Amino acid sequence: PPEVIAEMLDVGRRERVDVIYGVRTDRS
């Protein structure tokens, strides 16, 4: 989902990390 991009950017800025992985928690 493209909507997760905003959350990724927020995590990257807040936690000052270099990589934010999108992890599939539900693959049903």
mmCIF file of all heavy atoms, coordinates in Angstrom:
data_MODEL
# 
_entry.id   MODEL 
# 
loop_
_atom_site.group_PDB 
_atom_site.id 
_atom_site.type_symbol 
_atom_site.label_atom_id 
_atom_site.label_alt_id 
_atom_site.label_comp_id 
_atom_site.label_asym_id 
_atom_site.label_entity_id 
_atom_site.label_seq_id 
_atom_site.pdbx_PDB_ins_code 
_atom_site.Cartn_x 
_atom_site.Cartn_y 
_atom_site.Cartn_z 
_atom_site.occupancy 
_atom_site.B_iso_or_equiv 
_atom_site.pdbx_formal_charge 
_atom_site.auth_seq_id 
_atom_site.auth_comp_id 
_atom_site.auth_asym_id 
_atom_site.auth_atom_id 
_atom_site.pdbx_PDB_model_num 
ATOM 1   N N   . PRO A 1 1  ? 0.811  -1.224  0.000  1.00 0.00 ? 1  PRO A N   1 
ATOM 2   C CA  . PRO A 1 1  ? 0.000  0.000   0.000  1.00 0.00 ? 1  PRO A CA  1 
ATOM 3   C C   . PRO A 1 1  ? 0.841  1.269   0.000  1.00 0.00 ? 1  PRO A C   1 
ATOM 4   O O   . PRO A 1 1  ? 1.717  1.446   0.861  1.00 0.00 ? 1  PRO A O   1 
ATOM 5   C CB  . PRO A 1 1  ? -0.808 -0.113  1.305  1.00 0.00 ? 1  PRO A CB  1 
ATOM 6   C CG  . PRO A 1 1  ? -0.005 -1.022  2.169  1.00 0.00 ? 1  PRO A CG  1 
ATOM 7   C CD  . PRO A 1 1  ? 0.693  -1.986  1.268  1.00 0.00 ? 1  PRO A CD  1 
ATOM 8   N N   . PRO A 1 2  ? 0.614  2.178   -0.936 1.00 0.00 ? 2  PRO A N   1 
ATOM 9   C CA  . PRO A 1 2  ? 1.363  3.443   -0.974 1.00 0.00 ? 2  PRO A CA  1 
ATOM 10  C C   . PRO A 1 2  ? 1.173  4.295   0.278  1.00 0.00 ? 2  PRO A C   1 
ATOM 11  O O   . PRO A 1 2  ? 2.032  5.125   0.605  1.00 0.00 ? 2  PRO A O   1 
ATOM 12  C CB  . PRO A 1 2  ? 0.786  4.155   -2.209 1.00 0.00 ? 2  PRO A CB  1 
ATOM 13  C CG  . PRO A 1 2  ? 0.187  3.072   -3.047 1.00 0.00 ? 2  PRO A CG  1 
ATOM 14  C CD  . PRO A 1 2  ? -0.308 2.051   -2.075 1.00 0.00 ? 2  PRO A CD  1 
ATOM 15  N N   . GLU A 1 3  ? 0.053  4.106   0.977  1.00 0.00 ? 3  GLU A N   1 
ATOM 16  C CA  . GLU A 1 3  ? -0.213 4.909   2.169  1.00 0.00 ? 3  GLU A CA  1 
ATOM 17  C C   . GLU A 1 3  ? 0.847  4.720   3.256  1.00 0.00 ? 3  GLU A C   1 
ATOM 18  O O   . GLU A 1 3  ? 1.020  5.578   4.125  1.00 0.00 ? 3  GLU A O   1 
ATOM 19  C CB  . GLU A 1 3  ? -1.595 4.553   2.726  1.00 0.00 ? 3  GLU A CB  1 
ATOM 20  C CG  . GLU A 1 3  ? -2.767 4.956   1.833  1.00 0.00 ? 3  GLU A CG  1 
ATOM 21  C CD  . GLU A 1 3  ? -2.989 4.021   0.668  1.00 0.00 ? 3  GLU A CD  1 
ATOM 22  O OE1 . GLU A 1 3  ? -2.360 2.932   0.637  1.00 0.00 ? 3  GLU A OE1 1 
ATOM 23  O OE2 . GLU A 1 3  ? -3.788 4.359   -0.227 1.00 0.00 ? 3  GLU A OE2 1 
ATOM 24  N N   . VAL A 1 4  ? 1.575  3.610   3.215  1.00 0.00 ? 4  VAL A N   1 
ATOM 25  C CA  . VAL A 1 4  ? 2.591  3.329   4.229  1.00 0.00 ? 4  VAL A CA  1 
ATOM 26  C C   . VAL A 1 4  ? 3.822  4.220   4.044  1.00 0.00 ? 4  VAL A C   1 
ATOM 27  O O   . VAL A 1 4  ? 4.616  4.387   4.971  1.00 0.00 ? 4  VAL A O   1 
ATOM 28  C CB  . VAL A 1 4  ? 2.978  1.830   4.179  1.00 0.00 ? 4  VAL A CB  1 
ATOM 29  C CG1 . VAL A 1 4  ? 4.070  1.484   5.184  1.00 0.00 ? 4  VAL A CG1 1 
ATOM 30  C CG2 . VAL A 1 4  ? 1.751  0.958   4.439  1.00 0.00 ? 4  VAL A CG2 1 
ATOM 31  N N   . ILE A 1 5  ? 3.978  4.822   2.864  1.00 0.00 ? 5  ILE A N   1 
ATOM 32  C CA  . ILE A 1 5  ? 5.148  5.658   2.598  1.00 0.00 ? 5  ILE A CA  1 
ATOM 33  C C   . ILE A 1 5  ? 5.232  6.810   3.593  1.00 0.00 ? 5  ILE A C   1 
ATOM 34  O O   . ILE A 1 5  ? 6.319  7.154   4.081  1.00 0.00 ? 5  ILE A O   1 
ATOM 35  C CB  . ILE A 1 5  ? 5.104  6.184   1.150  1.00 0.00 ? 5  ILE A CB  1 
ATOM 36  C CG1 . ILE A 1 5  ? 5.254  5.025   0.161  1.00 0.00 ? 5  ILE A CG1 1 
ATOM 37  C CG2 . ILE A 1 5  ? 6.198  7.224   0.913  1.00 0.00 ? 5  ILE A CG2 1 
ATOM 38  C CD1 . ILE A 1 5  ? 5.122  5.430   -1.291 1.00 0.00 ? 5  ILE A CD1 1 
ATOM 39  N N   . ALA A 1 6  ? 4.098  7.434   3.899  1.00 0.00 ? 6  ALA A N   1 
ATOM 40  C CA  . ALA A 1 6  ? 4.097  8.544   4.853  1.00 0.00 ? 6  ALA A CA  1 
ATOM 41  C C   . ALA A 1 6  ? 4.589  8.090   6.223  1.00 0.00 ? 6  ALA A C   1 
ATOM 42  O O   . ALA A 1 6  ? 5.359  8.791   6.890  1.00 0.00 ? 6  ALA A O   1 
ATOM 43  C CB  . ALA A 1 6  ? 2.693  9.133   4.956  1.00 0.00 ? 6  ALA A CB  1 
ATOM 44  N N   . GLU A 1 7  ? 4.174  6.902   6.648  1.00 0.00 ? 7  GLU A N   1 
ATOM 45  C CA  . GLU A 1 7  ? 4.634  6.371   7.932  1.00 0.00 ? 7  GLU A CA  1 
ATOM 46  C C   . GLU A 1 7  ? 6.123  6.067   7.903  1.00 0.00 ? 7  GLU A C   1 
ATOM 47  O O   . GLU A 1 7  ? 6.847  6.315   8.883  1.00 0.00 ? 7  GLU A O   1 
ATOM 48  C CB  . GLU A 1 7  ? 3.839  5.104   8.275  1.00 0.00 ? 7  GLU A CB  1 
ATOM 49  C CG  . GLU A 1 7  ? 4.154  4.543   9.651  1.00 0.00 ? 7  GLU A CG  1 
ATOM 50  C CD  . GLU A 1 7  ? 3.325  3.309   9.973  1.00 0.00 ? 7  GLU A CD  1 
ATOM 51  O OE1 . GLU A 1 7  ? 2.453  2.946   9.160  1.00 0.00 ? 7  GLU A OE1 1 
ATOM 52  O OE2 . GLU A 1 7  ? 3.563  2.707   11.038 1.00 0.00 ? 7  GLU A OE2 1 
ATOM 53  N N   . MET A 1 8  ? 6.600  5.547   6.784  1.00 0.00 ? 8  MET A N   1 
ATOM 54  C CA  . MET A 1 8  ? 8.034  5.268   6.650  1.00 0.00 ? 8  MET A CA  1 
ATOM 55  C C   . MET A 1 8  ? 8.862  6.548   6.790  1.00 0.00 ? 8  MET A C   1 
ATOM 56  O O   . MET A 1 8  ? 9.876  6.577   7.496  1.00 0.00 ? 8  MET A O   1 
ATOM 57  C CB  . MET A 1 8  ? 8.319  4.620   5.295  1.00 0.00 ? 8  MET A CB  1 
ATOM 58  C CG  . MET A 1 8  ? 7.886  3.190   5.160  1.00 0.00 ? 8  MET A CG  1 
ATOM 59  S SD  . MET A 1 8  ? 8.288  2.554   3.512  1.00 0.00 ? 8  MET A SD  1 
ATOM 60  C CE  . MET A 1 8  ? 8.052  0.793   3.759  1.00 0.00 ? 8  MET A CE  1 
ATOM 61  N N   . LEU A 1 9  ? 8.425  7.605   6.121  1.00 0.00 ? 9  LEU A N   1 
ATOM 62  C CA  . LEU A 1 9  ? 9.161  8.870   6.177  1.00 0.00 ? 9  LEU A CA  1 
ATOM 63  C C   . LEU A 1 9  ? 9.157  9.431   7.590  1.00 0.00 ? 9  LEU A C   1 
ATOM 64  O O   . LEU A 1 9  ? 10.174 9.949   8.071  1.00 0.00 ? 9  LEU A O   1 
ATOM 65  C CB  . LEU A 1 9  ? 8.547  9.873   5.193  1.00 0.00 ? 9  LEU A CB  1 
ATOM 66  C CG  . LEU A 1 9  ? 9.258  11.222  5.068  1.00 0.00 ? 9  LEU A CG  1 
ATOM 67  C CD1 . LEU A 1 9  ? 10.712 11.033  4.633  1.00 0.00 ? 9  LEU A CD1 1 
ATOM 68  C CD2 . LEU A 1 9  ? 8.521  12.129  4.081  1.00 0.00 ? 9  LEU A CD2 1 
ATOM 69  N N   . ASP A 1 10 ? 8.032  9.304   8.258  1.00 0.00 ? 10 ASP A N   1 
ATOM 70  C CA  . ASP A 1 10 ? 7.947  9.786   9.639  1.00 0.00 ? 10 ASP A CA  1 
ATOM 71  C C   . ASP A 1 10 ? 8.895  9.009   10.551 1.00 0.00 ? 10 ASP A C   1 
ATOM 72  O O   . ASP A 1 10 ? 9.581  9.593   11.400 1.00 0.00 ? 10 ASP A O   1 
ATOM 73  C CB  . ASP A 1 10 ? 6.503  9.659   10.133 1.00 0.00 ? 10 ASP A CB  1 
ATOM 74  C CG  . ASP A 1 10 ? 6.343  10.146  11.564 1.00 0.00 ? 10 ASP A CG  1 
ATOM 75  O OD1 . ASP A 1 10 ? 6.563  11.348  11.813 1.00 0.00 ? 10 ASP A OD1 1 
ATOM 76  O OD2 . ASP A 1 10 ? 6.010  9.320   12.442 1.00 0.00 ? 10 ASP A OD2 1 
ATOM 77  N N   . VAL A 1 11 ? 8.963  7.682   10.380 1.00 0.00 ? 11 VAL A N   1 
ATOM 78  C CA  . VAL A 1 11 ? 9.868  6.855   11.185 1.00 0.00 ? 11 VAL A CA  1 
ATOM 79  C C   . VAL A 1 11 ? 11.319 7.209   10.887 1.00 0.00 ? 11 VAL A C   1 
ATOM 80  O O   . VAL A 1 11 ? 12.152 7.328   11.797 1.00 0.00 ? 11 VAL A O   1 
ATOM 81  C CB  . VAL A 1 11 ? 9.614  5.358   10.903 1.00 0.00 ? 11 VAL A CB  1 
ATOM 82  C CG1 . VAL A 1 11 ? 10.701 4.490   11.538 1.00 0.00 ? 11 VAL A CG1 1 
ATOM 83  C CG2 . VAL A 1 11 ? 8.247  4.939   11.428 1.00 0.00 ? 11 VAL A CG2 1 
ATOM 84  N N   . GLY A 1 12 ? 11.647 7.407   9.617  1.00 0.00 ? 12 GLY A N   1 
ATOM 85  C CA  . GLY A 1 12 ? 13.013 7.748   9.261  1.00 0.00 ? 12 GLY A CA  1 
ATOM 86  C C   . GLY A 1 12 ? 13.462 9.068   9.857  1.00 0.00 ? 12 GLY A C   1 
ATOM 87  O O   . GLY A 1 12 ? 14.585 9.185   10.356 1.00 0.00 ? 12 GLY A O   1 
ATOM 88  N N   . ARG A 1 13 ? 12.593 10.058  9.814  1.00 0.00 ? 13 ARG A N   1 
ATOM 89  C CA  . ARG A 1 13 ? 12.930 11.366  10.387 1.00 0.00 ? 13 ARG A CA  1 
ATOM 90  C C   . ARG A 1 13 ? 13.022 11.300  11.910 1.00 0.00 ? 13 ARG A C   1 
ATOM 91  O O   . ARG A 1 13 ? 13.931 11.883  12.509 1.00 0.00 ? 13 ARG A O   1 
ATOM 92  C CB  . ARG A 1 13 ? 11.859 12.387  9.986  1.00 0.00 ? 13 ARG A CB  1 
ATOM 93  C CG  . ARG A 1 13 ? 11.906 12.814  8.520  1.00 0.00 ? 13 ARG A CG  1 
ATOM 94  C CD  . ARG A 1 13 ? 10.675 13.628  8.187  1.00 0.00 ? 13 ARG A CD  1 
ATOM 95  N NE  . ARG A 1 13 ? 10.797 14.315  6.907  1.00 0.00 ? 13 ARG A NE  1 
ATOM 96  C CZ  . ARG A 1 13 ? 9.799  14.997  6.330  1.00 0.00 ? 13 ARG A CZ  1 
ATOM 97  N NH1 . ARG A 1 13 ? 8.616  15.065  6.942  1.00 0.00 ? 13 ARG A NH1 1 
ATOM 98  N NH2 . ARG A 1 13 ? 9.996  15.604  5.170  1.00 0.00 ? 13 ARG A NH2 1 
ATOM 99  N N   . ARG A 1 14 ? 12.076 10.590  12.528 1.00 0.00 ? 14 ARG A N   1 
ATOM 100 C CA  . ARG A 1 14 ? 12.000 10.579  13.988 1.00 0.00 ? 14 ARG A CA  1 
ATOM 101 C C   . ARG A 1 14 ? 13.109 9.742   14.614 1.00 0.00 ? 14 ARG A C   1 
ATOM 102 O O   . ARG A 1 14 ? 13.735 10.143  15.592 1.00 0.00 ? 14 ARG A O   1 
ATOM 103 C CB  . ARG A 1 14 ? 10.636 10.041  14.418 1.00 0.00 ? 14 ARG A CB  1 
ATOM 104 C CG  . ARG A 1 14 ? 10.406 10.110  15.933 1.00 0.00 ? 14 ARG A CG  1 
ATOM 105 C CD  . ARG A 1 14 ? 9.032  9.613   16.308 1.00 0.00 ? 14 ARG A CD  1 
ATOM 106 N NE  . ARG A 1 14 ? 8.834  8.207   16.041 1.00 0.00 ? 14 ARG A NE  1 
ATOM 107 C CZ  . ARG A 1 14 ? 8.054  7.730   15.073 1.00 0.00 ? 14 ARG A CZ  1 
ATOM 108 N NH1 . ARG A 1 14 ? 7.394  8.557   14.278 1.00 0.00 ? 14 ARG A NH1 1 
ATOM 109 N NH2 . ARG A 1 14 ? 7.925  6.415   14.889 1.00 0.00 ? 14 ARG A NH2 1 
ATOM 110 N N   . GLU A 1 15 ? 13.374 8.567   14.043 1.00 0.00 ? 15 GLU A N   1 
ATOM 111 C CA  . GLU A 1 15 ? 14.346 7.655   14.635 1.00 0.00 ? 15 GLU A CA  1 
ATOM 112 C C   . GLU A 1 15 ? 15.737 7.807   14.044 1.00 0.00 ? 15 GLU A C   1 
ATOM 113 O O   . GLU A 1 15 ? 16.678 7.147   14.501 1.00 0.00 ? 15 GLU A O   1 
ATOM 114 C CB  . GLU A 1 15 ? 13.855 6.210   14.483 1.00 0.00 ? 15 GLU A CB  1 
ATOM 115 C CG  . GLU A 1 15 ? 12.518 5.951   15.165 1.00 0.00 ? 15 GLU A CG  1 
ATOM 116 C CD  . GLU A 1 15 ? 12.137 4.479   15.156 1.00 0.00 ? 15 GLU A CD  1 
ATOM 117 O OE1 . GLU A 1 15 ? 13.032 3.637   14.889 1.00 0.00 ? 15 GLU A OE1 1 
ATOM 118 O OE2 . GLU A 1 15 ? 10.956 4.178   15.424 1.00 0.00 ? 15 GLU A OE2 1 
ATOM 119 N N   . ARG A 1 16 ? 15.872 8.644   13.018 1.00 0.00 ? 16 ARG A N   1 
ATOM 120 C CA  . ARG A 1 16 ? 17.171 8.930   12.413 1.00 0.00 ? 16 ARG A CA  1 
ATOM 121 C C   . ARG A 1 16 ? 17.897 7.659   11.998 1.00 0.00 ? 16 ARG A C   1 
ATOM 122 O O   . ARG A 1 16 ? 19.068 7.429   12.334 1.00 0.00 ? 16 ARG A O   1 
ATOM 123 C CB  . ARG A 1 16 ? 18.036 9.755   13.378 1.00 0.00 ? 16 ARG A CB  1 
ATOM 124 C CG  . ARG A 1 16 ? 17.399 11.071  13.794 1.00 0.00 ? 16 ARG A CG  1 
ATOM 125 C CD  . ARG A 1 16 ? 18.231 11.800  14.827 1.00 0.00 ? 16 ARG A CD  1 
ATOM 126 N NE  . ARG A 1 16 ? 19.488 12.281  14.248 1.00 0.00 ? 16 ARG A NE  1 
ATOM 127 C CZ  . ARG A 1 16 ? 19.626 13.416  13.562 1.00 0.00 ? 16 ARG A CZ  1 
ATOM 128 N NH1 . ARG A 1 16 ? 18.570 14.195  13.360 1.00 0.00 ? 16 ARG A NH1 1 
ATOM 129 N NH2 . ARG A 1 16 ? 20.797 13.784  13.083 1.00 0.00 ? 16 ARG A NH2 1 
ATOM 130 N N   . VAL A 1 17 ? 17.176 6.815   11.252 1.00 0.00 ? 17 VAL A N   1 
ATOM 131 C CA  . VAL A 1 17 ? 17.759 5.585   10.718 1.00 0.00 ? 17 VAL A CA  1 
ATOM 132 C C   . VAL A 1 17 ? 17.933 5.731   9.212  1.00 0.00 ? 17 VAL A C   1 
ATOM 133 O O   . VAL A 1 17 ? 17.398 6.650   8.589  1.00 0.00 ? 17 VAL A O   1 
ATOM 134 C CB  . VAL A 1 17 ? 16.864 4.361   11.030 1.00 0.00 ? 17 VAL A CB  1 
ATOM 135 C CG1 . VAL A 1 17 ? 16.838 4.095   12.527 1.00 0.00 ? 17 VAL A CG1 1 
ATOM 136 C CG2 . VAL A 1 17 ? 15.445 4.566   10.501 1.00 0.00 ? 17 VAL A CG2 1 
ATOM 137 N N   . ASP A 1 18 ? 18.680 4.818   8.620  1.00 0.00 ? 18 ASP A N   1 
ATOM 138 C CA  . ASP A 1 18 ? 18.968 4.887   7.191  1.00 0.00 ? 18 ASP A CA  1 
ATOM 139 C C   . ASP A 1 18 ? 18.031 4.035   6.341  1.00 0.00 ? 18 ASP A C   1 
ATOM 140 O O   . ASP A 1 18 ? 17.856 4.305   5.152  1.00 0.00 ? 18 ASP A O   1 
ATOM 141 C CB  . ASP A 1 18 ? 20.415 4.448   6.924  1.00 0.00 ? 18 ASP A CB  1 
ATOM 142 C CG  . ASP A 1 18 ? 21.417 5.504   7.329  1.00 0.00 ? 18 ASP A CG  1 
ATOM 143 O OD1 . ASP A 1 18 ? 21.526 6.507   6.611  1.00 0.00 ? 18 ASP A OD1 1 
ATOM 144 O OD2 . ASP A 1 18 ? 22.092 5.330   8.360  1.00 0.00 ? 18 ASP A OD2 1 
ATOM 145 N N   . VAL A 1 19 ? 17.472 2.983   6.929  1.00 0.00 ? 19 VAL A N   1 
ATOM 146 C CA  . VAL A 1 19 ? 16.624 2.061   6.169  1.00 0.00 ? 19 VAL A CA  1 
ATOM 147 C C   . VAL A 1 19 ? 15.357 1.786   6.961  1.00 0.00 ? 19 VAL A C   1 
ATOM 148 O O   . VAL A 1 19 ? 15.422 1.521   8.165  1.00 0.00 ? 19 VAL A O   1 
ATOM 149 C CB  . VAL A 1 19 ? 17.354 0.729   5.882  1.00 0.00 ? 19 VAL A CB  1 
ATOM 150 C CG1 . VAL A 1 19 ? 16.487 -0.170  5.004  1.00 0.00 ? 19 VAL A CG1 1 
ATOM 151 C CG2 . VAL A 1 19 ? 18.708 0.964   5.225  1.00 0.00 ? 19 VAL A CG2 1 
ATOM 152 N N   . ILE A 1 20 ? 14.218 1.861   6.276  1.00 0.00 ? 20 ILE A N   1 
ATOM 153 C CA  . ILE A 1 20 ? 12.938 1.500   6.887  1.00 0.00 ? 20 ILE A CA  1 
ATOM 154 C C   . ILE A 1 20 ? 12.326 0.413   6.020  1.00 0.00 ? 20 ILE A C   1 
ATOM 155 O O   . ILE A 1 20 ? 11.934 0.661   4.872  1.00 0.00 ? 20 ILE A O   1 
ATOM 156 C CB  . ILE A 1 20 ? 11.976 2.706   7.004  1.00 0.00 ? 20 ILE A CB  1 
ATOM 157 C CG1 . ILE A 1 20 ? 12.628 3.838   7.798  1.00 0.00 ? 20 ILE A CG1 1 
ATOM 158 C CG2 . ILE A 1 20 ? 10.685 2.281   7.677  1.00 0.00 ? 20 ILE A CG2 1 
ATOM 159 C CD1 . ILE A 1 20 ? 13.346 4.862   6.943  1.00 0.00 ? 20 ILE A CD1 1 
ATOM 160 N N   . TYR A 1 21 ? 12.258 -0.796  6.558  1.00 0.00 ? 21 TYR A N   1 
ATOM 161 C CA  . TYR A 1 21 ? 11.732 -1.935  5.809  1.00 0.00 ? 21 TYR A CA  1 
ATOM 162 C C   . TYR A 1 21 ? 10.213 -1.992  5.934  1.00 0.00 ? 21 TYR A C   1 
ATOM 163 O O   . TYR A 1 21 ? 9.663  -1.791  7.019  1.00 0.00 ? 21 TYR A O   1 
ATOM 164 C CB  . TYR A 1 21 ? 12.315 -3.244  6.334  1.00 0.00 ? 21 TYR A CB  1 
ATOM 165 C CG  . TYR A 1 21 ? 13.805 -3.385  6.157  1.00 0.00 ? 21 TYR A CG  1 
ATOM 166 C CD1 . TYR A 1 21 ? 14.685 -3.168  7.223  1.00 0.00 ? 21 TYR A CD1 1 
ATOM 167 C CD2 . TYR A 1 21 ? 14.349 -3.757  4.932  1.00 0.00 ? 21 TYR A CD2 1 
ATOM 168 C CE1 . TYR A 1 21 ? 16.053 -3.310  7.066  1.00 0.00 ? 21 TYR A CE1 1 
ATOM 169 C CE2 . TYR A 1 21 ? 15.718 -3.890  4.766  1.00 0.00 ? 21 TYR A CE2 1 
ATOM 170 C CZ  . TYR A 1 21 ? 16.560 -3.663  5.831  1.00 0.00 ? 21 TYR A CZ  1 
ATOM 171 O OH  . TYR A 1 21 ? 17.918 -3.798  5.676  1.00 0.00 ? 21 TYR A OH  1 
ATOM 172 N N   . GLY A 1 22 ? 9.565  -2.302  4.839  1.00 0.00 ? 22 GLY A N   1 
ATOM 173 C CA  . GLY A 1 22 ? 8.156  -2.626  4.872  1.00 0.00 ? 22 GLY A CA  1 
ATOM 174 C C   . GLY A 1 22 ? 7.996  -4.117  5.120  1.00 0.00 ? 22 GLY A C   1 
ATOM 175 O O   . GLY A 1 22 ? 8.401  -4.933  4.279  1.00 0.00 ? 22 GLY A O   1 
ATOM 176 N N   . VAL A 1 23 ? 7.449  -4.495  6.266  1.00 0.00 ? 23 VAL A N   1 
ATOM 177 C CA  . VAL A 1 23 ? 7.342  -5.903  6.660  1.00 0.00 ? 23 VAL A CA  1 
ATOM 178 C C   . VAL A 1 23 ? 5.892  -6.349  6.542  1.00 0.00 ? 23 VAL A C   1 
ATOM 179 O O   . VAL A 1 23 ? 4.981  -5.707  7.095  1.00 0.00 ? 23 VAL A O   1 
ATOM 180 C CB  . VAL A 1 23 ? 7.858  -6.116  8.097  1.00 0.00 ? 23 VAL A CB  1 
ATOM 181 C CG1 . VAL A 1 23 ? 7.676  -7.570  8.513  1.00 0.00 ? 23 VAL A CG1 1 
ATOM 182 C CG2 . VAL A 1 23 ? 9.321  -5.722  8.196  1.00 0.00 ? 23 VAL A CG2 1 
ATOM 183 N N   . ARG A 1 24 ? 5.663  -7.437  5.854  1.00 0.00 ? 24 ARG A N   1 
ATOM 184 C CA  . ARG A 1 24 ? 4.307  -7.950  5.633  1.00 0.00 ? 24 ARG A CA  1 
ATOM 185 C C   . ARG A 1 24 ? 3.857  -8.741  6.859  1.00 0.00 ? 24 ARG A C   1 
ATOM 186 O O   . ARG A 1 24 ? 4.216  -9.902  7.039  1.00 0.00 ? 24 ARG A O   1 
ATOM 187 C CB  . ARG A 1 24 ? 4.297  -8.841  4.394  1.00 0.00 ? 24 ARG A CB  1 
ATOM 188 C CG  . ARG A 1 24 ? 4.807  -8.144  3.147  1.00 0.00 ? 24 ARG A CG  1 
ATOM 189 C CD  . ARG A 1 24 ? 5.352  -9.136  2.140  1.00 0.00 ? 24 ARG A CD  1 
ATOM 190 N NE  . ARG A 1 24 ? 5.892  -8.466  0.952  1.00 0.00 ? 24 ARG A NE  1 
ATOM 191 C CZ  . ARG A 1 24 ? 6.593  -9.085  0.016  1.00 0.00 ? 24 ARG A CZ  1 
ATOM 192 N NH1 . ARG A 1 24 ? 6.853  -10.372 0.114  1.00 0.00 ? 24 ARG A NH1 1 
ATOM 193 N NH2 . ARG A 1 24 ? 7.055  -8.402  -1.020 1.00 0.00 ? 24 ARG A NH2 1 
ATOM 194 N N   . THR A 1 25 ? 3.064  -8.117  7.686  1.00 0.00 ? 25 THR A N   1 
ATOM 195 C CA  . THR A 1 25 ? 2.586  -8.777  8.897  1.00 0.00 ? 25 THR A CA  1 
ATOM 196 C C   . THR A 1 25 ? 1.387  -9.677  8.626  1.00 0.00 ? 25 THR A C   1 
ATOM 197 O O   . THR A 1 25 ? 1.056  -10.540 9.442  1.00 0.00 ? 25 THR A O   1 
ATOM 198 C CB  . THR A 1 25 ? 2.200  -7.726  9.948  1.00 0.00 ? 25 THR A CB  1 
ATOM 199 O OG1 . THR A 1 25 ? 1.234  -6.828  9.391  1.00 0.00 ? 25 THR A OG1 1 
ATOM 200 C CG2 . THR A 1 25 ? 3.428  -6.927  10.377 1.00 0.00 ? 25 THR A CG2 1 
ATOM 201 N N   . ASP A 1 26 ? 0.720  -9.460  7.512  1.00 0.00 ? 26 ASP A N   1 
ATOM 202 C CA  . ASP A 1 26 ? -0.448 -10.265 7.143  1.00 0.00 ? 26 ASP A CA  1 
ATOM 203 C C   . ASP A 1 26 ? -0.327 -10.618 5.664  1.00 0.00 ? 26 ASP A C   1 
ATOM 204 O O   . ASP A 1 26 ? -0.435 -9.748  4.802  1.00 0.00 ? 26 ASP A O   1 
ATOM 205 C CB  . ASP A 1 26 ? -1.742 -9.492  7.402  1.00 0.00 ? 26 ASP A CB  1 
ATOM 206 C CG  . ASP A 1 26 ? -2.987 -10.331 7.113  1.00 0.00 ? 26 ASP A CG  1 
ATOM 207 O OD1 . ASP A 1 26 ? -2.853 -11.432 6.547  1.00 0.00 ? 26 ASP A OD1 1 
ATOM 208 O OD2 . ASP A 1 26 ? -4.091 -9.869  7.442  1.00 0.00 ? 26 ASP A OD2 1 
ATOM 209 N N   . ARG A 1 27 ? -0.074 -11.903 5.371  1.00 0.00 ? 27 ARG A N   1 
ATOM 210 C CA  . ARG A 1 27 ? 0.073  -12.359 3.990  1.00 0.00 ? 27 ARG A CA  1 
ATOM 211 C C   . ARG A 1 27 ? -1.032 -13.341 3.620  1.00 0.00 ? 27 ARG A C   1 
ATOM 212 O O   . ARG A 1 27 ? -0.835 -14.256 2.824  1.00 0.00 ? 27 ARG A O   1 
ATOM 213 C CB  . ARG A 1 27 ? 1.436  -13.019 3.802  1.00 0.00 ? 27 ARG A CB  1 
ATOM 214 C CG  . ARG A 1 27 ? 2.612  -12.122 4.122  1.00 0.00 ? 27 ARG A CG  1 
ATOM 215 C CD  . ARG A 1 27 ? 3.923  -12.718 3.657  1.00 0.00 ? 27 ARG A CD  1 
ATOM 216 N NE  . ARG A 1 27 ? 3.955  -12.885 2.220  1.00 0.00 ? 27 ARG A NE  1 
ATOM 217 C CZ  . ARG A 1 27 ? 5.069  -13.148 1.535  1.00 0.00 ? 27 ARG A CZ  1 
ATOM 218 N NH1 . ARG A 1 27 ? 6.223  -13.260 2.167  1.00 0.00 ? 27 ARG A NH1 1 
ATOM 219 N NH2 . ARG A 1 27 ? 5.030  -13.303 0.229  1.00 0.00 ? 27 ARG A NH2 1 
ATOM 220 N N   . SER A 1 28 ? -2.208 -13.149 4.200  1.00 0.00 ? 28 SER A N   1 
ATOM 221 C CA  . SER A 1 28 ? -3.301 -14.089 3.964  1.00 0.00 ? 28 SER A CA  1 
ATOM 222 C C   . SER A 1 28 ? -3.771 -14.071 2.517  1.00 0.00 ? 28 SER A C   1 
ATOM 223 O O   . SER A 1 28 ? -4.396 -15.037 2.057  1.00 0.00 ? 28 SER A O   1 
ATOM 224 C CB  . SER A 1 28 ? -4.473 -13.776 4.899  1.00 0.00 ? 28 SER A CB  1 
ATOM 225 O OG  . SER A 1 28 ? -4.908 -12.427 4.721  1.00 0.00 ? 28 SER A OG  1 
# 
